[in-house]
Amino acid sequence: MGNGRFLYSFRDSWKAQAEDNSFMDRQRRSDSY
């Protein structure tokens, strides 16, 4: 960044799929998507 600090980002494919499945499980128990 401009202030001299650094940003580091990561994406875990397995955790992304697990969060997506968790969202879908909550939507299936609700009345609307």
All heavy atoms as atom14 arrays in JSON, in Angstrom:
{
  "sequence": "MGNGRFLYSFRDSWKAQAEDNSFMDRQRRSDSY",
  "atom14_mask": [
    [1, 1, 1, 1, 1, 1, 1, 1, 0, 0, 0, 0, 0, 0],
    [1, 1, 1, 1, 0, 0, 0, 0, 0, 0, 0, 0, 0, 0],
    [1, 1, 1, 1, 1, 1, 1, 1, 0, 0, 0, 0, 0, 0],
    [1, 1, 1, 1, 0, 0, 0, 0, 0, 0, 0, 0, 0, 0],
    [1, 1, 1, 1, 1, 1, 1, 1, 1, 1, 1, 0, 0, 0],
    [1, 1, 1, 1, 1, 1, 1, 1, 1, 1, 1, 0, 0, 0],
    [1, 1, 1, 1, 1, 1, 1, 1, 0, 0, 0, 0, 0, 0],
    [1, 1, 1, 1, 1, 1, 1, 1, 1, 1, 1, 1, 0, 0],
    [1, 1, 1, 1, 1, 1, 0, 0, 0, 0, 0, 0, 0, 0],
    [1, 1, 1, 1, 1, 1, 1, 1, 1, 1, 1, 0, 0, 0],
    [1, 1, 1, 1, 1, 1, 1, 1, 1, 1, 1, 0, 0, 0],
    [1, 1, 1, 1, 1, 1, 1, 1, 0, 0, 0, 0, 0, 0],
    [1, 1, 1, 1, 1, 1, 0, 0, 0, 0, 0, 0, 0, 0],
    [1, 1, 1, 1, 1, 1, 1, 1, 1, 1, 1, 1, 1, 1],
    [1, 1, 1, 1, 1, 1, 1, 1, 1, 0, 0, 0, 0, 0],
    [1, 1, 1, 1, 1, 0, 0, 0, 0, 0, 0, 0, 0, 0],
    [1, 1, 1, 1, 1, 1, 1, 1, 1, 0, 0, 0, 0, 0],
    [1, 1, 1, 1, 1, 0, 0, 0, 0, 0, 0, 0, 0, 0],
    [1, 1, 1, 1, 1, 1, 1, 1, 1, 0, 0, 0, 0, 0],
    [1, 1, 1, 1, 1, 1, 1, 1, 0, 0, 0, 0, 0, 0],
    [1, 1, 1, 1, 1, 1, 1, 1, 0, 0, 0, 0, 0, 0],
    [1, 1, 1, 1, 1, 1, 0, 0, 0, 0, 0, 0, 0, 0],
    [1, 1, 1, 1, 1, 1, 1, 1, 1, 1, 1, 0, 0, 0],
    [1, 1, 1, 1, 1, 1, 1, 1, 0, 0, 0, 0, 0, 0],
    [1, 1, 1, 1, 1, 1, 1, 1, 0, 0, 0, 0, 0, 0],
    [1, 1, 1, 1, 1, 1, 1, 1, 1, 1, 1, 0, 0, 0],
    [1, 1, 1, 1, 1, 1, 1, 1, 1, 0, 0, 0, 0, 0],
    [1, 1, 1, 1, 1, 1, 1, 1, 1, 1, 1, 0, 0, 0],
    [1, 1, 1, 1, 1, 1, 1, 1, 1, 1, 1, 0, 0, 0],
    [1, 1, 1, 1, 1, 1, 0, 0, 0, 0, 0, 0, 0, 0],
    [1, 1, 1, 1, 1, 1, 1, 1, 0, 0, 0, 0, 0, 0],
    [1, 1, 1, 1, 1, 1, 0, 0, 0, 0, 0, 0, 0, 0],
    [1, 1, 1, 1, 1, 1, 1, 1, 1, 1, 1, 1, 0, 0]
  ],
  "atom14_positions": [
    [[0.83, -1.2, 0.0], [0.0, 0.0, 0.0], [0.87, 1.25, 0.0], [2.09, 1.2, 0.16], [-0.94, -0.02, 1.21], [-1.92, -1.18, 1.19], [-3.15, -1.05, 2.52], [-2.1, -1.24, 3.96], [0.0, 0.0, 0.0], [0.0, 0.0, 0.0], [0.0, 0.0, 0.0], [0.0, 0.0, 0.0], [0.0, 0.0, 0.0], [0.0, 0.0, 0.0]],
    [[0.21, 2.4, -0.15], [0.94, 3.65, -0.22], [1.6, 4.04, 1.09], [2.61, 4.76, 1.09], [0.0, 0.0, 0.0], [0.0, 0.0, 0.0], [0.0, 0.0, 0.0], [0.0, 0.0, 0.0], [0.0, 0.0, 0.0], [0.0, 0.0, 0.0], [0.0, 0.0, 0.0], [0.0, 0.0, 0.0], [0.0, 0.0, 0.0], [0.0, 0.0, 0.0]],
    [[1.08, 3.6, 2.23], [1.68, 3.94, 3.52], [2.86, 3.04, 3.89], [3.37, 3.13, 5.02], [0.63, 3.9, 4.62], [-0.07, 2.54, 4.71], [0.27, 1.61, 3.97], [-1.06, 2.45, 5.58], [0.0, 0.0, 0.0], [0.0, 0.0, 0.0], [0.0, 0.0, 0.0], [0.0, 0.0, 0.0], [0.0, 0.0, 0.0], [0.0, 0.0, 0.0]],
    [[3.26, 2.16, 3.0], [4.39, 1.27, 3.27], [4.03, -0.06, 3.86], [4.9, -0.94, 3.99], [0.0, 0.0, 0.0], [0.0, 0.0, 0.0], [0.0, 0.0, 0.0], [0.0, 0.0, 0.0], [0.0, 0.0, 0.0], [0.0, 0.0, 0.0], [0.0, 0.0, 0.0], [0.0, 0.0, 0.0], [0.0, 0.0, 0.0], [0.0, 0.0, 0.0]],
    [[2.77, -0.27, 4.22], [2.34, -1.55, 4.75], [1.94, -2.5, 3.63], [1.77, -2.11, 2.48], [1.18, -1.34, 5.73], [1.58, -0.55, 6.98], [0.42, -0.4, 7.93], [0.81, 0.33, 9.13], [-0.02, 0.62, 10.13], [-1.3, 0.22, 10.07], [0.42, 1.29, 11.18], [0.0, 0.0, 0.0], [0.0, 0.0, 0.0], [0.0, 0.0, 0.0]],
    [[1.75, -3.77, 4.0], [1.49, -4.81, 3.01], [0.17, -5.51, 3.34], [-0.2, -5.64, 4.52], [2.62, -5.84, 2.99], [3.95, -5.28, 2.56], [4.79, -4.68, 3.49], [4.34, -5.33, 1.23], [6.01, -4.16, 3.11], [5.56, -4.82, 0.84], [6.41, -4.23, 1.78], [0.0, 0.0, 0.0], [0.0, 0.0, 0.0], [0.0, 0.0, 0.0]],
    [[-0.5, -5.95, 2.29], [-1.71, -6.76, 2.41], [-1.44, -8.13, 1.8], [-0.84, -8.23, 0.72], [-2.89, -6.1, 1.71], [-3.41, -4.78, 2.29], [-4.58, -4.26, 1.45], [-3.83, -4.96, 3.74], [0.0, 0.0, 0.0], [0.0, 0.0, 0.0], [0.0, 0.0, 0.0], [0.0, 0.0, 0.0], [0.0, 0.0, 0.0], [0.0, 0.0, 0.0]],
    [[-1.9, -9.17, 2.47], [-1.75, -10.55, 2.02], [-3.13, -11.2, 2.06], [-3.78, -11.21, 3.12], [-0.79, -11.33, 2.91], [0.58, -10.68, 3.08], [0.8, -9.76, 4.11], [1.62, -10.99, 2.23], [2.04, -9.18, 4.28], [2.87, -10.4, 2.38], [3.07, -9.49, 3.41], [4.3, -8.9, 3.56], [0.0, 0.0, 0.0], [0.0, 0.0, 0.0]],
    [[-3.58, -11.71, 0.94], [-4.91, -12.34, 0.87], [-4.76, -13.8, 0.46], [-3.86, -14.16, -0.32], [-5.8, -11.61, -0.13], [-5.24, -11.65, -1.44], [0.0, 0.0, 0.0], [0.0, 0.0, 0.0], [0.0, 0.0, 0.0], [0.0, 0.0, 0.0], [0.0, 0.0, 0.0], [0.0, 0.0, 0.0], [0.0, 0.0, 0.0], [0.0, 0.0, 0.0]],
    [[-5.67, -14.64, 0.98], [-5.65, -16.08, 0.72], [-7.09, -16.56, 0.54], [-8.03, -16.02, 1.14], [-5.0, -16.84, 1.88], [-3.61, -16.39, 2.2], [-3.39, -15.39, 3.15], [-2.51, -16.95, 1.57], [-2.12, -14.96, 3.45], [-1.23, -16.52, 1.86], [-1.04, -15.52, 2.8], [0.0, 0.0, 0.0], [0.0, 0.0, 0.0], [0.0, 0.0, 0.0]],
    [[-7.25, -17.58, -0.3], [-8.56, -18.2, -0.52], [-8.37, -19.72, -0.49], [-7.62, -20.27, -1.3], [-9.16, -17.77, -1.85], [-10.53, -18.4, -2.14], [-11.03, -18.03, -3.52], [-12.32, -18.65, -3.81], [-13.5, -18.09, -3.54], [-13.54, -16.88, -3.01], [-14.62, -18.72, -3.83], [0.0, 0.0, 0.0], [0.0, 0.0, 0.0], [0.0, 0.0, 0.0]],
    [[-9.05, -20.34, 0.44], [-9.01, -21.79, 0.6], [-10.22, -22.37, -0.13], [-11.37, -22.07, 0.21], [-9.05, -22.17, 2.08], [-8.76, -23.64, 2.31], [-9.07, -24.46, 1.43], [-8.23, -23.99, 3.38], [0.0, 0.0, 0.0], [0.0, 0.0, 0.0], [0.0, 0.0, 0.0], [0.0, 0.0, 0.0], [0.0, 0.0, 0.0], [0.0, 0.0, 0.0]],
    [[-9.98, -23.2, -1.15], [-11.08, -23.75, -1.95], [-12.0, -24.63, -1.12], [-13.22, -24.61, -1.29], [-10.51, -24.54, -3.13], [-9.72, -23.71, -3.96], [0.0, 0.0, 0.0], [0.0, 0.0, 0.0], [0.0, 0.0, 0.0], [0.0, 0.0, 0.0], [0.0, 0.0, 0.0], [0.0, 0.0, 0.0], [0.0, 0.0, 0.0], [0.0, 0.0, 0.0]],
    [[-11.42, -25.39, -0.21], [-12.26, -26.29, 0.6], [-13.14, -25.48, 1.55], [-14.33, -25.77, 1.7], [-11.36, -27.23, 1.4], [-12.12, -28.27, 2.16], [-12.56, -29.47, 1.72], [-12.57, -28.15, 3.52], [-13.24, -30.13, 2.71], [-13.26, -29.34, 3.83], [-12.46, -27.17, 4.5], [-13.83, -29.57, 5.08], [-13.02, -27.38, 5.75], [-13.69, -28.57, 6.03]],
    [[-12.59, -24.44, 2.2], [-13.39, -23.62, 3.1], [-14.44, -22.82, 2.34], [-15.55, -22.58, 2.85], [-12.49, -22.68, 3.89], [-11.62, -23.39, 4.92], [-10.81, -22.38, 5.73], [-9.98, -23.09, 6.79], [-9.18, -22.13, 7.61], [0.0, 0.0, 0.0], [0.0, 0.0, 0.0], [0.0, 0.0, 0.0], [0.0, 0.0, 0.0], [0.0, 0.0, 0.0]],
    [[-14.1, -22.38, 1.12], [-15.09, -21.66, 0.32], [-16.29, -22.54, 0.0], [-17.44, -22.11, 0.09], [-14.43, -21.14, -0.96], [0.0, 0.0, 0.0], [0.0, 0.0, 0.0], [0.0, 0.0, 0.0], [0.0, 0.0, 0.0], [0.0, 0.0, 0.0], [0.0, 0.0, 0.0], [0.0, 0.0, 0.0], [0.0, 0.0, 0.0], [0.0, 0.0, 0.0]],
    [[-16.02, -23.8, -0.35], [-17.12, -24.72, -0.64], [-17.93, -25.02, 0.62], [-19.16, -25.15, 0.57], [-16.56, -26.01, -1.25], [-17.62, -26.99, -1.72], [-18.47, -26.42, -2.84], [-17.95, -25.71, -3.7], [-19.76, -26.71, -2.83], [0.0, 0.0, 0.0], [0.0, 0.0, 0.0], [0.0, 0.0, 0.0], [0.0, 0.0, 0.0], [0.0, 0.0, 0.0]],
    [[-17.23, -25.12, 1.77], [-17.94, -25.39, 3.02], [-18.86, -24.23, 3.39], [-19.99, -24.43, 3.84], [-16.93, -25.65, 4.13], [0.0, 0.0, 0.0], [0.0, 0.0, 0.0], [0.0, 0.0, 0.0], [0.0, 0.0, 0.0], [0.0, 0.0, 0.0], [0.0, 0.0, 0.0], [0.0, 0.0, 0.0], [0.0, 0.0, 0.0], [0.0, 0.0, 0.0]],
    [[-18.41, -22.98, 3.21], [-19.25, -21.82, 3.51], [-20.42, -21.74, 2.53], [-21.54, -21.36, 2.92], [-18.42, -20.55, 3.45], [-17.4, -20.42, 4.57], [-16.73, -19.05, 4.57], [-17.39, -18.07, 4.19], [-15.55, -18.98, 4.94], [0.0, 0.0, 0.0], [0.0, 0.0, 0.0], [0.0, 0.0, 0.0], [0.0, 0.0, 0.0], [0.0, 0.0, 0.0]],
    [[-20.18, -22.08, 1.28], [-21.27, -22.08, 0.3], [-22.32, -23.12, 0.66], [-23.53, -22.86, 0.58], [-20.7, -22.33, -1.1], [-21.73, -22.12, -2.19], [-22.51, -23.06, -2.45], [-21.76, -21.01, -2.76], [0.0, 0.0, 0.0], [0.0, 0.0, 0.0], [0.0, 0.0, 0.0], [0.0, 0.0, 0.0], [0.0, 0.0, 0.0], [0.0, 0.0, 0.0]],
    [[-21.87, -24.3, 1.08], [-22.82, -25.34, 1.47], [-23.6, -24.94, 2.72], [-24.79, -25.24, 2.85], [-22.08, -26.65, 1.73], [-21.47, -27.22, 0.48], [-21.9, -26.9, -0.64], [-20.47, -28.06, 0.63], [0.0, 0.0, 0.0], [0.0, 0.0, 0.0], [0.0, 0.0, 0.0], [0.0, 0.0, 0.0], [0.0, 0.0, 0.0], [0.0, 0.0, 0.0]],
    [[-22.92, -24.25, 3.63], [-23.61, -23.79, 4.84], [-24.69, -22.77, 4.5], [-25.79, -22.8, 5.08], [-22.59, -23.19, 5.81], [-23.22, -22.69, 6.96], [0.0, 0.0, 0.0], [0.0, 0.0, 0.0], [0.0, 0.0, 0.0], [0.0, 0.0, 0.0], [0.0, 0.0, 0.0], [0.0, 0.0, 0.0], [0.0, 0.0, 0.0], [0.0, 0.0, 0.0]],
    [[-24.39, -21.87, 3.56], [-25.4, -20.89, 3.14], [-26.59, -21.59, 2.5], [-27.75, -21.25, 2.76], [-24.76, -19.88, 2.16], [-25.73, -18.91, 1.59], [-26.09, -17.77, 2.29], [-26.29, -19.13, 0.33], [-27.0, -16.87, 1.76], [-27.19, -18.23, -0.2], [-27.55, -17.09, 0.51], [0.0, 0.0, 0.0], [0.0, 0.0, 0.0], [0.0, 0.0, 0.0]],
    [[-26.33, -22.58, 1.66], [-27.42, -23.29, 1.0], [-28.27, -24.08, 2.01], [-29.49, -24.16, 1.86], [-26.84, -24.23, -0.07], [-26.23, -23.52, -1.26], [-27.42, -22.44, -2.1], [-28.69, -23.6, -2.55], [0.0, 0.0, 0.0], [0.0, 0.0, 0.0], [0.0, 0.0, 0.0], [0.0, 0.0, 0.0], [0.0, 0.0, 0.0], [0.0, 0.0, 0.0]],
    [[-27.64, -24.64, 3.02], [-28.43, -25.36, 4.04], [-29.35, -24.41, 4.79], [-30.5, -24.76, 5.11], [-27.48, -26.04, 5.01], [-26.72, -27.19, 4.37], [-27.19, -27.69, 3.32], [-25.65, -27.57, 4.9], [0.0, 0.0, 0.0], [0.0, 0.0, 0.0], [0.0, 0.0, 0.0], [0.0, 0.0, 0.0], [0.0, 0.0, 0.0], [0.0, 0.0, 0.0]],
    [[-28.89, -23.18, 5.07], [-29.75, -22.21, 5.74], [-30.9, -21.78, 4.82], [-32.02, -21.56, 5.28], [-28.94, -20.99, 6.17], [-27.95, -21.28, 7.29], [-27.42, -19.98, 7.9], [-26.79, -19.11, 6.91], [-25.5, -19.13, 6.61], [-24.69, -20.0, 7.21], [-25.01, -18.31, 5.7], [0.0, 0.0, 0.0], [0.0, 0.0, 0.0], [0.0, 0.0, 0.0]],
    [[-30.61, -21.63, 3.53], [-31.66, -21.22, 2.59], [-32.71, -22.3, 2.42], [-33.9, -22.0, 2.25], [-31.03, -20.86, 1.23], [-30.11, -19.65, 1.27], [-30.84, -18.39, 1.71], [-31.92, -18.07, 1.2], [-30.27, -17.68, 2.67], [0.0, 0.0, 0.0], [0.0, 0.0, 0.0], [0.0, 0.0, 0.0], [0.0, 0.0, 0.0], [0.0, 0.0, 0.0]],
    [[-32.3, -23.56, 2.47], [-33.28, -24.63, 2.31], [-34.25, -24.7, 3.49], [-35.38, -25.15, 3.35], [-32.56, -25.98, 2.16], [-31.86, -26.16, 0.82], [-31.4, -27.58, 0.65], [-30.51, -28.0, 1.73], [-30.16, -29.27, 1.95], [-30.63, -30.22, 1.17], [-29.34, -29.55, 2.94], [0.0, 0.0, 0.0], [0.0, 0.0, 0.0], [0.0, 0.0, 0.0]],
    [[-33.77, -24.27, 4.66], [-34.65, -24.29, 5.83], [-35.52, -23.04, 5.93], [-36.42, -22.96, 6.76], [-33.81, -24.42, 7.1], [-33.11, -25.76, 7.25], [-32.51, -25.91, 8.63], [-31.42, -24.97, 8.86], [-30.13, -25.23, 8.64], [-29.78, -26.42, 8.15], [-29.21, -24.33, 8.87], [0.0, 0.0, 0.0], [0.0, 0.0, 0.0], [0.0, 0.0, 0.0]],
    [[-35.23, -22.02, 5.08], [-36.03, -20.79, 5.1], [-37.13, -20.86, 4.04], [-37.2, -21.79, 3.23], [-35.13, -19.58, 4.85], [-34.52, -19.66, 3.58], [0.0, 0.0, 0.0], [0.0, 0.0, 0.0], [0.0, 0.0, 0.0], [0.0, 0.0, 0.0], [0.0, 0.0, 0.0], [0.0, 0.0, 0.0], [0.0, 0.0, 0.0], [0.0, 0.0, 0.0]],
    [[-37.96, -19.83, 4.04], [-39.1, -19.81, 3.1], [-38.72, -19.27, 1.73], [-39.38, -19.59, 0.74], [-40.22, -18.96, 3.7], [-40.75, -19.54, 4.99], [-40.64, -20.78, 5.16], [-41.26, -18.76, 5.83], [0.0, 0.0, 0.0], [0.0, 0.0, 0.0], [0.0, 0.0, 0.0], [0.0, 0.0, 0.0], [0.0, 0.0, 0.0], [0.0, 0.0, 0.0]],
    [[-37.69, -18.42, 1.63], [-37.33, -17.81, 0.35], [-35.81, -17.82, 0.19], [-35.07, -17.97, 1.16], [-37.86, -16.37, 0.27], [-37.3, -15.59, 1.32], [0.0, 0.0, 0.0], [0.0, 0.0, 0.0], [0.0, 0.0, 0.0], [0.0, 0.0, 0.0], [0.0, 0.0, 0.0], [0.0, 0.0, 0.0], [0.0, 0.0, 0.0], [0.0, 0.0, 0.0]],
    [[-35.38, -17.63, -1.02], [-33.96, -17.62, -1.35], [-33.47, -16.18, -1.4], [-34.01, -15.35, -2.14], [-33.74, -18.31, -2.7], [-32.29, -18.31, -3.15], [-31.36, -19.15, -2.57], [-31.88, -17.44, -4.17], [-30.04, -19.14, -3.0], [-30.55, -17.43, -4.59], [-29.64, -18.28, -3.99], [-28.33, -18.27, -4.41], [0.0, 0.0, 0.0], [0.0, 0.0, 0.0]]
  ]
}
